[in-house]
Amino acid sequence: MVKRVLHMLNREISGLHEAAYLLATCAIASQLLALLRDRLFAYTFGASRTLDIYYAAFRIPDLIFVAVASLVSISVLMPFLMEKFKEGEETGKRFVDASFSFFFVAIVGVSLAAFVLAPFVAPPLFPGFGGDPIRSHLIALTRIMLLSPIFLGLSNFLASITQMYNRFFIYAVSPLLYNIGIIVGALFFYPLLGIAGLAW
């Protein structure tokens, strides 16, 4: 069973049509899971302050992801990767190492800065969330969610490499896992840990 899963994850897809069908199928499945997630949120939280805090706390990490992690998105990184690997395996590996080091330092540095500055940045950005405990919840959730641009950025980086080798499966299922993680958080972690569990 484990061998089958590993083989599926590592399987090379050489045909363009097969890759397109795989990505399209997973994209549709991801949208269906997103619909289920939103319905679960509506059923569990309704139009509540809890959900407002959750969505507000997502804004700063999402901005960091768009601003910094997009530097290693497939559309940006792939042409450079292919060009370097055409020059030779060692040249390609050095480029990957240098790109990874630069990105990791940049995304962790920006996320740490946001972690420290969250109590000062959040109030002017979200003036409707004044006073404790709402503001403290917002800052705590923002800090937890600052892990997301790091993990999603690393995912983008690795996706560029795997797609260069025609291995699309892991990239295709990642949006599914993302939505499943949020659903699991709402169903299991929120009852245990409260609103922080939803962020985790």
Protein backbone atom coordinates (compact mmCIF):
# COMPACT_ATOMS: atom_id res chain seq x y z
CA MET A 1 0.00 0.00 0.00
CA VAL A 2 2.78 2.43 0.99
CA LYS A 3 4.73 1.52 -2.16
CA ARG A 4 1.68 2.27 -4.29
CA VAL A 5 1.21 5.70 -2.69
CA LEU A 6 4.91 6.55 -3.11
CA HIS A 7 4.81 5.38 -6.71
CA MET A 8 1.76 7.56 -7.39
CA LEU A 9 3.41 10.60 -5.79
CA ASN A 10 6.64 10.09 -7.73
CA ARG A 11 5.13 9.03 -11.05
CA GLU A 12 6.25 10.98 -14.09
CA ILE A 13 3.49 12.26 -16.35
CA SER A 14 4.81 12.67 -19.85
CA GLY A 15 1.58 13.44 -21.71
CA LEU A 16 0.29 17.00 -21.76
CA HIS A 17 -3.34 15.85 -21.85
CA GLU A 18 -2.88 13.54 -18.85
CA ALA A 19 -1.31 16.37 -16.84
CA ALA A 20 -4.11 18.75 -17.85
CA TYR A 21 -6.82 16.25 -16.85
CA LEU A 22 -5.13 15.62 -13.50
CA LEU A 23 -4.79 19.34 -12.70
CA ALA A 24 -8.36 20.09 -13.85
CA THR A 25 -9.84 17.23 -11.82
CA CYS A 26 -8.01 18.28 -8.66
CA ALA A 27 -8.95 21.94 -9.24
CA ILE A 28 -12.65 21.01 -9.46
CA ALA A 29 -12.36 18.80 -6.37
CA SER A 30 -10.63 21.65 -4.54
CA GLN A 31 -13.49 24.02 -5.40
CA LEU A 32 -16.03 21.49 -4.11
CA LEU A 33 -14.05 21.19 -0.87
CA ALA A 34 -13.91 24.99 -0.64
CA LEU A 35 -17.71 25.06 -0.98
CA LEU A 36 -17.99 22.46 1.78
CA ARG A 37 -15.56 24.50 3.91
CA ASP A 38 -17.61 27.69 3.47
CA ARG A 39 -20.84 25.85 4.26
CA LEU A 40 -19.21 24.42 7.38
CA PHE A 41 -18.11 27.91 8.42
CA ALA A 42 -21.61 29.28 7.86
CA TYR A 43 -23.16 26.43 9.87
CA THR A 44 -20.62 26.56 12.72
CA PHE A 45 -20.03 30.30 13.08
CA GLY A 46 -22.72 32.11 11.12
CA ALA A 47 -22.23 35.86 10.71
CA SER A 48 -20.18 36.01 13.89
CA ARG A 49 -17.29 38.01 15.29
CA THR A 50 -15.24 34.81 15.40
CA LEU A 51 -15.34 34.44 11.63
CA ASP A 52 -14.61 38.16 11.17
CA ILE A 53 -11.47 37.80 13.32
CA TYR A 54 -10.40 34.69 11.41
CA TYR A 55 -10.70 36.38 8.01
CA ALA A 56 -9.02 39.58 9.24
CA ALA A 57 -6.12 37.62 10.74
CA PHE A 58 -5.58 36.00 7.34
CA ARG A 59 -4.93 39.33 5.59
CA ILE A 60 -1.35 40.09 6.68
CA PRO A 61 -0.02 36.53 6.08
CA ASP A 62 -1.79 36.49 2.71
CA LEU A 63 -0.18 39.82 1.76
CA ILE A 64 3.25 38.42 2.68
CA PHE A 65 2.57 35.31 0.61
CA VAL A 66 1.54 37.34 -2.45
CA ALA A 67 4.42 39.81 -2.10
CA VAL A 68 7.29 37.45 -1.22
CA ALA A 69 6.31 33.86 -2.02
CA SER A 70 5.22 34.83 -5.53
CA LEU A 71 8.95 35.27 -6.27
CA VAL A 72 9.24 31.48 -6.37
CA SER A 73 5.93 30.78 -8.11
CA ILE A 74 5.98 28.34 -11.00
CA SER A 75 5.45 31.03 -13.62
CA VAL A 76 8.43 33.03 -12.32
CA LEU A 77 10.91 30.32 -11.34
CA MET A 78 10.30 27.63 -13.99
CA PRO A 79 11.96 29.39 -16.98
CA PHE A 80 15.11 30.09 -14.94
CA LEU A 81 15.22 26.51 -13.65
CA MET A 82 14.95 25.04 -17.12
CA GLU A 83 17.60 27.38 -18.48
CA LYS A 84 20.07 26.57 -15.68
CA PHE A 85 19.55 22.81 -15.93
CA LYS A 86 20.18 23.02 -19.69
CA GLU A 87 23.59 24.45 -18.84
CA GLY A 88 24.32 21.36 -16.73
CA GLU A 89 23.13 19.41 -13.69
CA GLU A 90 25.60 21.06 -11.33
CA THR A 91 24.71 24.57 -12.53
CA GLY A 92 21.03 23.77 -12.01
CA LYS A 93 21.61 22.41 -8.52
CA ARG A 94 23.65 25.47 -7.51
CA PHE A 95 20.85 27.71 -8.78
CA VAL A 96 18.26 25.72 -6.80
CA ASP A 97 20.39 25.90 -3.63
CA ALA A 98 20.96 29.65 -4.00
CA SER A 99 17.29 30.33 -4.80
CA PHE A 100 16.10 28.24 -1.87
CA SER A 101 18.49 29.92 0.58
CA PHE A 102 17.51 33.41 -0.58
CA PHE A 103 13.79 32.65 -0.48
CA PHE A 104 13.88 30.91 2.90
CA VAL A 105 15.80 33.75 4.56
CA ALA A 106 13.51 36.34 2.94
CA ILE A 107 10.18 34.70 3.82
CA VAL A 108 11.22 33.79 7.38
CA GLY A 109 12.68 37.28 7.92
CA VAL A 110 9.54 39.05 6.70
CA SER A 111 7.29 36.70 8.71
CA LEU A 112 9.34 37.26 11.89
CA ALA A 113 9.16 41.03 11.36
CA ALA A 114 5.39 40.78 10.95
CA PHE A 115 5.21 38.61 14.09
CA VAL A 116 6.96 41.32 16.13
CA LEU A 117 5.09 44.22 14.54
CA ALA A 118 1.61 42.62 14.60
CA PRO A 119 0.43 44.49 17.75
CA PHE A 120 1.36 47.81 16.10
CA VAL A 121 0.22 47.07 12.54
CA ALA A 122 -3.09 45.29 13.21
CA PRO A 123 -4.98 48.13 15.02
CA PRO A 124 -4.67 50.75 12.23
CA LEU A 125 -5.32 48.12 9.55
CA PHE A 126 -8.40 46.75 11.32
CA PRO A 127 -9.90 49.65 13.33
CA GLY A 128 -13.15 47.76 13.86
CA PHE A 129 -11.41 45.24 16.12
CA GLY A 130 -10.56 47.51 19.03
CA GLY A 131 -10.35 46.54 22.68
CA ASP A 132 -9.56 43.28 24.43
CA PRO A 133 -10.15 40.38 24.01
CA ILE A 134 -10.99 40.90 20.32
CA ARG A 135 -7.73 42.66 19.46
CA SER A 136 -5.63 40.12 21.35
CA HIS A 137 -7.41 37.29 19.48
CA LEU A 138 -6.75 39.04 16.17
CA ILE A 139 -3.03 39.46 16.95
CA ALA A 140 -2.69 35.88 18.20
CA LEU A 141 -4.36 34.45 15.10
CA THR A 142 -2.30 36.65 12.79
CA ARG A 143 0.88 35.37 14.43
CA ILE A 144 -0.18 31.73 14.08
CA MET A 145 -1.13 32.22 10.44
CA LEU A 146 2.29 33.72 9.66
CA LEU A 147 3.37 30.10 9.29
CA SER A 148 1.22 29.86 6.16
CA PRO A 149 3.32 32.06 3.83
CA ILE A 150 6.40 30.06 4.86
CA PHE A 151 4.82 26.66 4.16
CA LEU A 152 2.93 27.79 1.06
CA GLY A 153 6.03 29.50 -0.28
CA LEU A 154 8.10 26.36 0.20
CA SER A 155 5.30 24.45 -1.51
CA ASN A 156 5.49 26.81 -4.49
CA PHE A 157 9.25 26.41 -4.65
CA LEU A 158 9.12 22.61 -4.59
CA ALA A 159 6.23 22.59 -7.08
CA SER A 160 8.43 24.36 -9.63
CA ILE A 161 11.06 21.65 -9.28
CA THR A 162 8.65 18.71 -9.40
CA GLN A 163 6.86 20.09 -12.45
CA MET A 164 10.16 20.51 -14.26
CA TYR A 165 10.51 16.73 -13.94
CA ASN A 166 6.88 16.17 -15.10
CA ARG A 167 5.70 15.10 -11.65
CA PHE A 168 2.38 16.89 -11.25
CA PHE A 169 0.54 14.77 -8.71
CA ILE A 170 1.81 16.41 -5.50
CA TYR A 171 1.22 19.89 -6.95
CA ALA A 172 -2.29 18.89 -8.06
CA VAL A 173 -3.39 17.55 -4.66
CA SER A 174 -1.94 20.40 -2.58
CA PRO A 175 -5.10 22.61 -2.83
CA LEU A 176 -7.14 19.59 -1.70
CA LEU A 177 -4.93 19.11 1.34
CA TYR A 178 -5.11 22.84 2.10
CA ASN A 179 -8.93 22.82 2.23
CA ILE A 180 -9.02 19.50 4.09
CA GLY A 181 -6.70 21.04 6.70
CA ILE A 182 -9.06 23.98 7.24
CA ILE A 183 -12.07 21.65 7.49
CA VAL A 184 -10.24 19.48 10.05
CA GLY A 185 -9.38 22.62 11.99
CA ALA A 186 -13.03 23.70 12.11
CA LEU A 187 -14.33 20.25 13.06
CA PHE A 188 -11.72 19.07 15.56
CA PHE A 189 -9.25 21.78 16.62
CA TYR A 190 -11.77 24.58 17.11
CA PRO A 191 -13.80 22.63 19.75
CA LEU A 192 -10.55 21.78 21.56
CA LEU A 193 -8.56 25.03 21.31
CA GLY A 194 -11.13 27.65 20.45
CA ILE A 195 -10.44 30.19 17.71
CA ALA A 196 -6.69 29.51 17.88
CA GLY A 197 -7.44 25.91 16.88
CA LEU A 198 -9.12 27.17 13.72
CA ALA A 199 -5.94 29.06 12.81
CA TRP A 200 -3.69 26.09 13.54
